[in-house]
Amino acid sequence: MRKKFICLFILLSSFYTYASSELERVVEAQGQLLTDNQQKITDLQYEVDQLRGQLEETTYQLNQTIERQKMILQQLDGVMQSKAGQNSTNTNNSTTATSLSGWTPSGDDKTDYNFIIKVALDGKEPKEAINAFQQFLKDYPKSSYTANVNYWLGQLCYGQGRKDDASFYYATVVKNYPKSAKAADSLYKVGLILLDKGDKAKAKAVFQQVIAQYPNDKNATSLANTKLVTLG
């Protein structure tokens, strides 16, 4: 009888050991499956976030393009309206001129800005546009267009290879008009000029400042991030 009991005990012990091992394997397999599924969910979420970011960037760039087109059309419309409202005999006035050569200020900052920016965007008289914008700053020091004028002076000077002058005008926008729509891009351009000069350390610091100071400007922060990646 005792022998049978011992055999039964051994049999039950073996069964319990086997069952315990199987249960551990099942639990382990389920745990691994849960971990794998969680990782897949995390990966999918990351991909969704990336796609959302790409969509936001594409949408932003599209909106920027649309806004630039609207601005150009508005500027052209403003120039045409100004021309229509001026005396046709005032040949030296900016509203009837077709070139910045011999141009004189009209006394109205909006009229003059619209005319100069039209010529500047045409790209035909960059030097004359620089001189005209510089005159604009003297004639209208408190104009609401001052930030934009400094930005475009930076753009025009950079295009002429006058990088120190360009950096000065970009820095003026950042320092005096930090909330301007041109401020983030101006700061980024300062970084580009430093990079052109081979000062990678300062350029890197400026790109980091773009991201920290203008996190809502997706275009400028994206460009700054790209530069930081290349700089390492």
C-alpha atoms as a PDB file:
ATOM      1  CA  MET A   1       0.000   0.000   0.000  1.00  0.00           C
ATOM      2  CA  ARG A   2       2.794   2.305   0.934  1.00  0.00           C
ATOM      3  CA  LYS A   3       4.544   1.524  -2.302  1.00  0.00           C
ATOM      4  CA  LYS A   4       1.437   2.498  -4.297  1.00  0.00           C
ATOM      5  CA  PHE A   5       1.192   5.739  -2.355  1.00  0.00           C
ATOM      6  CA  ILE A   6       4.801   6.557  -3.120  1.00  0.00           C
ATOM      7  CA  CYS A   7       4.242   5.848  -6.827  1.00  0.00           C
ATOM      8  CA  LEU A   8       1.138   8.021  -6.849  1.00  0.00           C
ATOM      9  CA  PHE A   9       3.028  10.787  -5.096  1.00  0.00           C
ATOM     10  CA  ILE A  10       5.853  10.633  -7.655  1.00  0.00           C
ATOM     11  CA  LEU A  11       3.332  10.626 -10.501  1.00  0.00           C
ATOM     12  CA  LEU A  12       1.499  13.649  -9.099  1.00  0.00           C
ATOM     13  CA  SER A  13       4.776  15.468  -8.507  1.00  0.00           C
ATOM     14  CA  SER A  14       5.866  14.850 -12.090  1.00  0.00           C
ATOM     15  CA  PHE A  15       2.498  16.026 -13.385  1.00  0.00           C
ATOM     16  CA  TYR A  16       2.666  19.146 -11.222  1.00  0.00           C
ATOM     17  CA  THR A  17       6.192  19.908 -12.419  1.00  0.00           C
ATOM     18  CA  TYR A  18       5.128  19.447 -16.044  1.00  0.00           C
ATOM     19  CA  ALA A  19       1.999  21.535 -15.573  1.00  0.00           C
ATOM     20  CA  SER A  20       3.993  24.284 -13.874  1.00  0.00           C
ATOM     21  CA  SER A  21       6.521  24.335 -16.720  1.00  0.00           C
ATOM     22  CA  GLU A  22       3.763  24.519 -19.325  1.00  0.00           C
ATOM     23  CA  LEU A  23       2.039  27.284 -17.421  1.00  0.00           C
ATOM     24  CA  GLU A  24       5.286  29.232 -17.198  1.00  0.00           C
ATOM     25  CA  ARG A  25       5.821  28.807 -20.938  1.00  0.00           C
ATOM     26  CA  VAL A  26       2.277  29.985 -21.671  1.00  0.00           C
ATOM     27  CA  VAL A  27       2.658  32.999 -19.388  1.00  0.00           C
ATOM     28  CA  GLU A  28       6.044  33.801 -20.910  1.00  0.00           C
ATOM     29  CA  ALA A  29       4.657  33.458 -24.432  1.00  0.00           C
ATOM     30  CA  GLN A  30       1.734  35.707 -23.607  1.00  0.00           C
ATOM     31  CA  GLY A  31       4.068  38.233 -22.018  1.00  0.00           C
ATOM     32  CA  GLN A  32       6.283  38.234 -25.113  1.00  0.00           C
ATOM     33  CA  LEU A  33       3.227  38.573 -27.351  1.00  0.00           C
ATOM     34  CA  LEU A  34       2.038  41.518 -25.275  1.00  0.00           C
ATOM     35  CA  THR A  35       5.476  43.117 -25.475  1.00  0.00           C
ATOM     36  CA  ASP A  36       5.625  42.578 -29.259  1.00  0.00           C
ATOM     37  CA  ASN A  37       2.153  44.039 -29.706  1.00  0.00           C
ATOM     38  CA  GLN A  38       3.035  47.023 -27.550  1.00  0.00           C
ATOM     39  CA  GLN A  39       6.173  47.613 -29.627  1.00  0.00           C
ATOM     40  CA  LYS A  40       4.136  47.390 -32.826  1.00  0.00           C
ATOM     41  CA  ILE A  41       1.680  49.923 -31.424  1.00  0.00           C
ATOM     42  CA  THR A  42       4.575  52.220 -30.474  1.00  0.00           C
ATOM     43  CA  ASP A  43       6.109  51.856 -33.957  1.00  0.00           C
ATOM     44  CA  LEU A  44       2.767  52.578 -35.602  1.00  0.00           C
ATOM     45  CA  GLN A  45       2.255  55.632 -33.409  1.00  0.00           C
ATOM     46  CA  TYR A  46       5.719  56.870 -34.354  1.00  0.00           C
ATOM     47  CA  GLU A  47       4.935  56.409 -38.045  1.00  0.00           C
ATOM     48  CA  VAL A  48       1.614  58.215 -37.610  1.00  0.00           C
ATOM     49  CA  ASP A  49       3.399  61.094 -35.856  1.00  0.00           C
ATOM     50  CA  GLN A  50       5.939  61.263 -38.657  1.00  0.00           C
ATOM     51  CA  LEU A  51       3.209  61.307 -41.311  1.00  0.00           C
ATOM     52  CA  ARG A  52       1.316  63.953 -39.365  1.00  0.00           C
ATOM     53  CA  GLY A  53       4.472  66.064 -39.163  1.00  0.00           C
ATOM     54  CA  GLN A  54       5.089  65.678 -42.895  1.00  0.00           C
ATOM     55  CA  LEU A  55       1.479  66.620 -43.614  1.00  0.00           C
ATOM     56  CA  GLU A  56       1.743  69.685 -41.386  1.00  0.00           C
ATOM     57  CA  GLU A  57       4.973  70.738 -43.093  1.00  0.00           C
ATOM     58  CA  THR A  58       3.470  70.243 -46.561  1.00  0.00           C
ATOM     59  CA  THR A  59       0.374  72.163 -45.557  1.00  0.00           C
ATOM     60  CA  TYR A  60       2.505  74.948 -44.090  1.00  0.00           C
ATOM     61  CA  GLN A  61       4.623  75.235 -47.227  1.00  0.00           C
ATOM     62  CA  LEU A  62       1.516  75.242 -49.413  1.00  0.00           C
ATOM     63  CA  ASN A  63      -0.047  77.965 -47.276  1.00  0.00           C
ATOM     64  CA  GLN A  64       3.191  79.944 -47.420  1.00  0.00           C
ATOM     65  CA  THR A  65       3.182  79.726 -51.214  1.00  0.00           C
ATOM     66  CA  ILE A  66      -0.451  80.817 -51.361  1.00  0.00           C
ATOM     67  CA  GLU A  67       0.228  83.708 -48.997  1.00  0.00           C
ATOM     68  CA  ARG A  68       3.226  84.835 -51.063  1.00  0.00           C
ATOM     69  CA  GLN A  69       1.097  84.797 -54.197  1.00  0.00           C
ATOM     70  CA  LYS A  70      -1.608  86.776 -52.414  1.00  0.00           C
ATOM     71  CA  MET A  71       0.980  89.276 -51.190  1.00  0.00           C
ATOM     72  CA  ILE A  72       2.370  89.782 -54.690  1.00  0.00           C
ATOM     73  CA  LEU A  73      -1.120  90.231 -56.128  1.00  0.00           C
ATOM     74  CA  GLN A  74      -2.057  92.672 -53.366  1.00  0.00           C
ATOM     75  CA  GLN A  75       1.125  94.612 -53.914  1.00  0.00           C
ATOM     76  CA  LEU A  76       0.522  94.781 -57.639  1.00  0.00           C
ATOM     77  CA  ASP A  77      -3.088  95.782 -57.040  1.00  0.00           C
ATOM     78  CA  GLY A  78      -1.962  98.492 -54.618  1.00  0.00           C
ATOM     79  CA  VAL A  79       0.506  99.828 -57.148  1.00  0.00           C
ATOM     80  CA  MET A  80      -2.138  99.929 -59.869  1.00  0.00           C
ATOM     81  CA  GLN A  81      -4.644 101.672 -57.592  1.00  0.00           C
ATOM     82  CA  SER A  82      -2.019 104.185 -56.552  1.00  0.00           C
ATOM     83  CA  LYS A  83      -1.178 104.907 -60.165  1.00  0.00           C
ATOM     84  CA  ALA A  84      -4.829 105.442 -60.986  1.00  0.00           C
ATOM     85  CA  GLY A  85      -5.233 107.926 -58.114  1.00  0.00           C
ATOM     86  CA  GLN A  86      -2.240 110.168 -58.934  1.00  0.00           C
ATOM     87  CA  ASN A  87      -1.958 113.068 -61.322  1.00  0.00           C
ATOM     88  CA  SER A  88      -0.545 111.823 -64.602  1.00  0.00           C
ATOM     89  CA  THR A  89       1.754 114.862 -64.833  1.00  0.00           C
ATOM     90  CA  ASN A  90       3.689 113.883 -61.709  1.00  0.00           C
ATOM     91  CA  THR A  91       6.183 111.818 -63.693  1.00  0.00           C
ATOM     92  CA  ASN A  92       8.775 111.603 -60.917  1.00  0.00           C
ATOM     93  CA  ASN A  93       6.343 110.117 -58.390  1.00  0.00           C
ATOM     94  CA  SER A  94       6.686 106.417 -57.525  1.00  0.00           C
ATOM     95  CA  THR A  95       3.077 105.757 -58.567  1.00  0.00           C
ATOM     96  CA  THR A  96       3.776 106.509 -62.233  1.00  0.00           C
ATOM     97  CA  ALA A  97       7.369 105.298 -62.454  1.00  0.00           C
ATOM     98  CA  THR A  98       8.231 101.958 -63.990  1.00  0.00           C
ATOM     99  CA  SER A  99      11.812 101.901 -62.719  1.00  0.00           C
ATOM    100  CA  LEU A 100      13.659 102.912 -59.563  1.00  0.00           C
ATOM    101  CA  SER A 101      16.069 104.946 -61.662  1.00  0.00           C
ATOM    102  CA  GLY A 102      15.272 108.558 -60.863  1.00  0.00           C
ATOM    103  CA  TRP A 103      12.579 107.522 -58.393  1.00  0.00           C
ATOM    104  CA  THR A 104      11.643 109.869 -55.563  1.00  0.00           C
ATOM    105  CA  PRO A 105       9.505 109.118 -52.472  1.00  0.00           C
ATOM    106  CA  SER A 106       5.824 109.960 -52.723  1.00  0.00           C
ATOM    107  CA  GLY A 107       5.327 110.829 -49.061  1.00  0.00           C
ATOM    108  CA  ASP A 108       3.144 107.747 -48.453  1.00  0.00           C
ATOM    109  CA  ASP A 109       4.911 104.737 -46.939  1.00  0.00           C
ATOM    110  CA  LYS A 110       2.428 102.150 -48.229  1.00  0.00           C
ATOM    111  CA  THR A 111       2.640 103.448 -51.792  1.00  0.00           C
ATOM    112  CA  ASP A 112       6.422 103.540 -51.736  1.00  0.00           C
ATOM    113  CA  TYR A 113       6.794 100.122 -50.099  1.00  0.00           C
ATOM    114  CA  ASN A 114       4.458  98.518 -52.637  1.00  0.00           C
ATOM    115  CA  PHE A 115       6.374 100.027 -55.525  1.00  0.00           C
ATOM    116  CA  ILE A 116       9.859  99.177 -54.228  1.00  0.00           C
ATOM    117  CA  ILE A 117       8.939  95.608 -53.297  1.00  0.00           C
ATOM    118  CA  LYS A 118       7.458  95.078 -56.765  1.00  0.00           C
ATOM    119  CA  VAL A 119      10.733  96.101 -58.374  1.00  0.00           C
ATOM    120  CA  ALA A 120      12.721  94.066 -55.843  1.00  0.00           C
ATOM    121  CA  LEU A 121      10.669  90.927 -56.513  1.00  0.00           C
ATOM    122  CA  ASP A 122      11.156  91.391 -60.249  1.00  0.00           C
ATOM    123  CA  GLY A 123      14.890  91.122 -59.565  1.00  0.00           C
ATOM    124  CA  LYS A 124      15.818  93.595 -62.305  1.00  0.00           C
ATOM    125  CA  GLU A 125      17.256  96.439 -60.216  1.00  0.00           C
ATOM    126  CA  PRO A 126      18.698  94.953 -56.999  1.00  0.00           C
ATOM    127  CA  LYS A 127      21.146  97.800 -56.330  1.00  0.00           C
ATOM    128  CA  GLU A 128      18.493 100.432 -56.964  1.00  0.00           C
ATOM    129  CA  ALA A 129      16.081  98.510 -54.718  1.00  0.00           C
ATOM    130  CA  ILE A 130      18.670  98.532 -51.913  1.00  0.00           C
ATOM    131  CA  ASN A 131      19.129 102.295 -52.253  1.00  0.00           C
ATOM    132  CA  ALA A 132      15.354 102.841 -52.361  1.00  0.00           C
ATOM    133  CA  PHE A 133      14.729 100.737 -49.254  1.00  0.00           C
ATOM    134  CA  GLN A 134      17.522 102.521 -47.400  1.00  0.00           C
ATOM    135  CA  GLN A 135      15.890 105.827 -48.335  1.00  0.00           C
ATOM    136  CA  PHE A 136      12.564 104.399 -47.162  1.00  0.00           C
ATOM    137  CA  LEU A 137      14.001 103.761 -43.681  1.00  0.00           C
ATOM    138  CA  LYS A 138      15.173 107.378 -43.501  1.00  0.00           C
ATOM    139  CA  ASP A 139      11.861 108.815 -44.706  1.00  0.00           C
ATOM    140  CA  TYR A 140       9.561 106.524 -42.684  1.00  0.00           C
ATOM    141  CA  PRO A 141      11.393 105.483 -39.460  1.00  0.00           C
ATOM    142  CA  LYS A 142       8.119 104.555 -37.716  1.00  0.00           C
ATOM    143  CA  SER A 143       6.445 102.786 -40.635  1.00  0.00           C
ATOM    144  CA  SER A 144       4.669  99.478 -40.039  1.00  0.00           C
ATOM    145  CA  TYR A 145       6.694  98.140 -42.987  1.00  0.00           C
ATOM    146  CA  THR A 146      10.060  98.758 -41.304  1.00  0.00           C
ATOM    147  CA  ALA A 147      10.594  95.118 -40.261  1.00  0.00           C
ATOM    148  CA  ASN A 148       9.831  93.877 -43.772  1.00  0.00           C
ATOM    149  CA  VAL A 149      12.090  96.521 -45.324  1.00  0.00           C
ATOM    150  CA  ASN A 150      15.026  95.436 -43.143  1.00  0.00           C
ATOM    151  CA  TYR A 151      14.366  91.799 -44.068  1.00  0.00           C
ATOM    152  CA  TRP A 152      14.309  92.574 -47.789  1.00  0.00           C
ATOM    153  CA  LEU A 153      17.447  94.665 -47.460  1.00  0.00           C
ATOM    154  CA  GLY A 154      19.041  91.556 -45.960  1.00  0.00           C
ATOM    155  CA  GLN A 155      17.823  89.447 -48.848  1.00  0.00           C
ATOM    156  CA  LEU A 156      18.989  91.934 -51.481  1.00  0.00           C
ATOM    157  CA  CYS A 157      22.393  92.480 -49.866  1.00  0.00           C
ATOM    158  CA  TYR A 158      22.911  88.720 -49.516  1.00  0.00           C
ATOM    159  CA  GLY A 159      22.084  88.304 -53.201  1.00  0.00           C
ATOM    160  CA  GLN A 160      24.730  90.930 -54.004  1.00  0.00           C
ATOM    161  CA  GLY A 161      27.338  89.101 -51.934  1.00  0.00           C
ATOM    162  CA  ARG A 162      27.298  91.771 -49.218  1.00  0.00           C
ATOM    163  CA  LYS A 163      26.991  89.286 -46.381  1.00  0.00           C
ATOM    164  CA  ASP A 164      28.043  91.595 -43.552  1.00  0.00           C
ATOM    165  CA  ASP A 165      25.407  94.124 -44.582  1.00  0.00           C
ATOM    166  CA  ALA A 166      22.849  91.343 -44.959  1.00  0.00           C
ATOM    167  CA  SER A 167      23.652  90.041 -41.484  1.00  0.00           C
ATOM    168  CA  PHE A 168      23.186  93.541 -40.052  1.00  0.00           C
ATOM    169  CA  TYR A 169      19.707  93.924 -41.540  1.00  0.00           C
ATOM    170  CA  TYR A 170      18.630  90.401 -40.534  1.00  0.00           C
ATOM    171  CA  ALA A 171      19.892  91.025 -36.996  1.00  0.00           C
ATOM    172  CA  THR A 172      17.962  94.314 -36.908  1.00  0.00           C
ATOM    173  CA  VAL A 173      14.741  92.420 -37.589  1.00  0.00           C
ATOM    174  CA  VAL A 174      15.476  89.889 -34.833  1.00  0.00           C
ATOM    175  CA  LYS A 175      16.527  92.509 -32.287  1.00  0.00           C
ATOM    176  CA  ASN A 176      13.971  95.269 -32.927  1.00  0.00           C
ATOM    177  CA  TYR A 177      11.020  93.281 -34.303  1.00  0.00           C
ATOM    178  CA  PRO A 178      11.170  89.835 -32.630  1.00  0.00           C
ATOM    179  CA  LYS A 179       7.447  89.254 -33.189  1.00  0.00           C
ATOM    180  CA  SER A 180       7.606  90.041 -36.889  1.00  0.00           C
ATOM    181  CA  ALA A 181       6.656  87.292 -39.335  1.00  0.00           C
ATOM    182  CA  LYS A 182      10.162  87.755 -40.783  1.00  0.00           C
ATOM    183  CA  ALA A 183      12.030  87.346 -37.465  1.00  0.00           C
ATOM    184  CA  ALA A 184      12.480  83.559 -37.477  1.00  0.00           C
ATOM    185  CA  ASP A 185      13.734  83.446 -41.069  1.00  0.00           C
ATOM    186  CA  SER A 186      15.994  86.443 -40.391  1.00  0.00           C
ATOM    187  CA  LEU A 187      17.630  84.644 -37.462  1.00  0.00           C
ATOM    188  CA  TYR A 188      18.057  81.514 -39.587  1.00  0.00           C
ATOM    189  CA  LYS A 189      19.719  83.596 -42.304  1.00  0.00           C
ATOM    190  CA  VAL A 190      22.166  84.987 -39.729  1.00  0.00           C
ATOM    191  CA  GLY A 191      23.118  81.374 -39.013  1.00  0.00           C
ATOM    192  CA  LEU A 192      23.612  80.698 -42.720  1.00  0.00           C
ATOM    193  CA  ILE A 193      25.940  83.676 -43.068  1.00  0.00           C
ATOM    194  CA  LEU A 194      27.999  82.508 -40.077  1.00  0.00           C
ATOM    195  CA  LEU A 195      28.163  79.070 -41.682  1.00  0.00           C
ATOM    196  CA  ASP A 196      29.278  80.647 -44.976  1.00  0.00           C
ATOM    197  CA  LYS A 197      32.098  82.305 -43.069  1.00  0.00           C
ATOM    198  CA  GLY A 198      33.156  78.970 -41.571  1.00  0.00           C
ATOM    199  CA  ASP A 199      32.114  79.779 -37.996  1.00  0.00           C
ATOM    200  CA  LYS A 200      30.317  76.491 -37.360  1.00  0.00           C
ATOM    201  CA  ALA A 201      30.150  76.883 -33.575  1.00  0.00           C
ATOM    202  CA  LYS A 202      28.315  80.216 -33.713  1.00  0.00           C
ATOM    203  CA  ALA A 203      26.146  79.046 -36.597  1.00  0.00           C
ATOM    204  CA  LYS A 204      25.111  75.994 -34.590  1.00  0.00           C
ATOM    205  CA  ALA A 205      24.230  78.210 -31.618  1.00  0.00           C
ATOM    206  CA  VAL A 206      22.085  80.428 -33.852  1.00  0.00           C
ATOM    207  CA  PHE A 207      20.227  77.449 -35.364  1.00  0.00           C
ATOM    208  CA  GLN A 208      19.528  76.187 -31.846  1.00  0.00           C
ATOM    209  CA  GLN A 209      18.234  79.654 -30.970  1.00  0.00           C
ATOM    210  CA  VAL A 210      15.850  79.547 -33.943  1.00  0.00           C
ATOM    211  CA  ILE A 211      14.306  76.337 -32.603  1.00  0.00           C
ATOM    212  CA  ALA A 212      14.117  77.620 -29.010  1.00  0.00           C
ATOM    213  CA  GLN A 213      12.867  81.120 -29.815  1.00  0.00           C
ATOM    214  CA  TYR A 214      10.478  80.364 -32.683  1.00  0.00           C
ATOM    215  CA  PRO A 215       9.064  76.862 -32.100  1.00  0.00           C
ATOM    216  CA  ASN A 216       5.819  77.740 -33.921  1.00  0.00           C
ATOM    217  CA  ASP A 217       7.564  78.670 -37.155  1.00  0.00           C
ATOM    218  CA  LYS A 218       7.643  75.199 -38.710  1.00  0.00           C
ATOM    219  CA  ASN A 219       9.545  76.239 -41.807  1.00  0.00           C
ATOM    220  CA  ALA A 220      12.402  78.003 -39.983  1.00  0.00           C
ATOM    221  CA  THR A 221      12.708  75.320 -37.290  1.00  0.00           C
ATOM    222  CA  SER A 222      12.714  72.562 -39.895  1.00  0.00           C
ATOM    223  CA  LEU A 223      15.509  74.278 -41.838  1.00  0.00           C
ATOM    224  CA  ALA A 224      17.452  74.887 -38.610  1.00  0.00           C
ATOM    225  CA  ASN A 225      17.079  71.243 -37.556  1.00  0.00           C
ATOM    226  CA  THR A 226      18.369  70.102 -40.941  1.00  0.00           C
ATOM    227  CA  LYS A 227      21.443  72.282 -40.560  1.00  0.00           C
ATOM    228  CA  LEU A 228      22.068  71.034 -37.026  1.00  0.00           C
ATOM    229  CA  VAL A 229      21.984  67.437 -38.275  1.00  0.00           C
ATOM    230  CA  THR A 230      24.626  68.226 -40.900  1.00  0.00           C
ATOM    231  CA  LEU A 231      26.771  70.036 -38.336  1.00  0.00           C
ATOM    232  CA  GLY A 232      26.568  67.100 -35.902  1.00  0.00           C
END
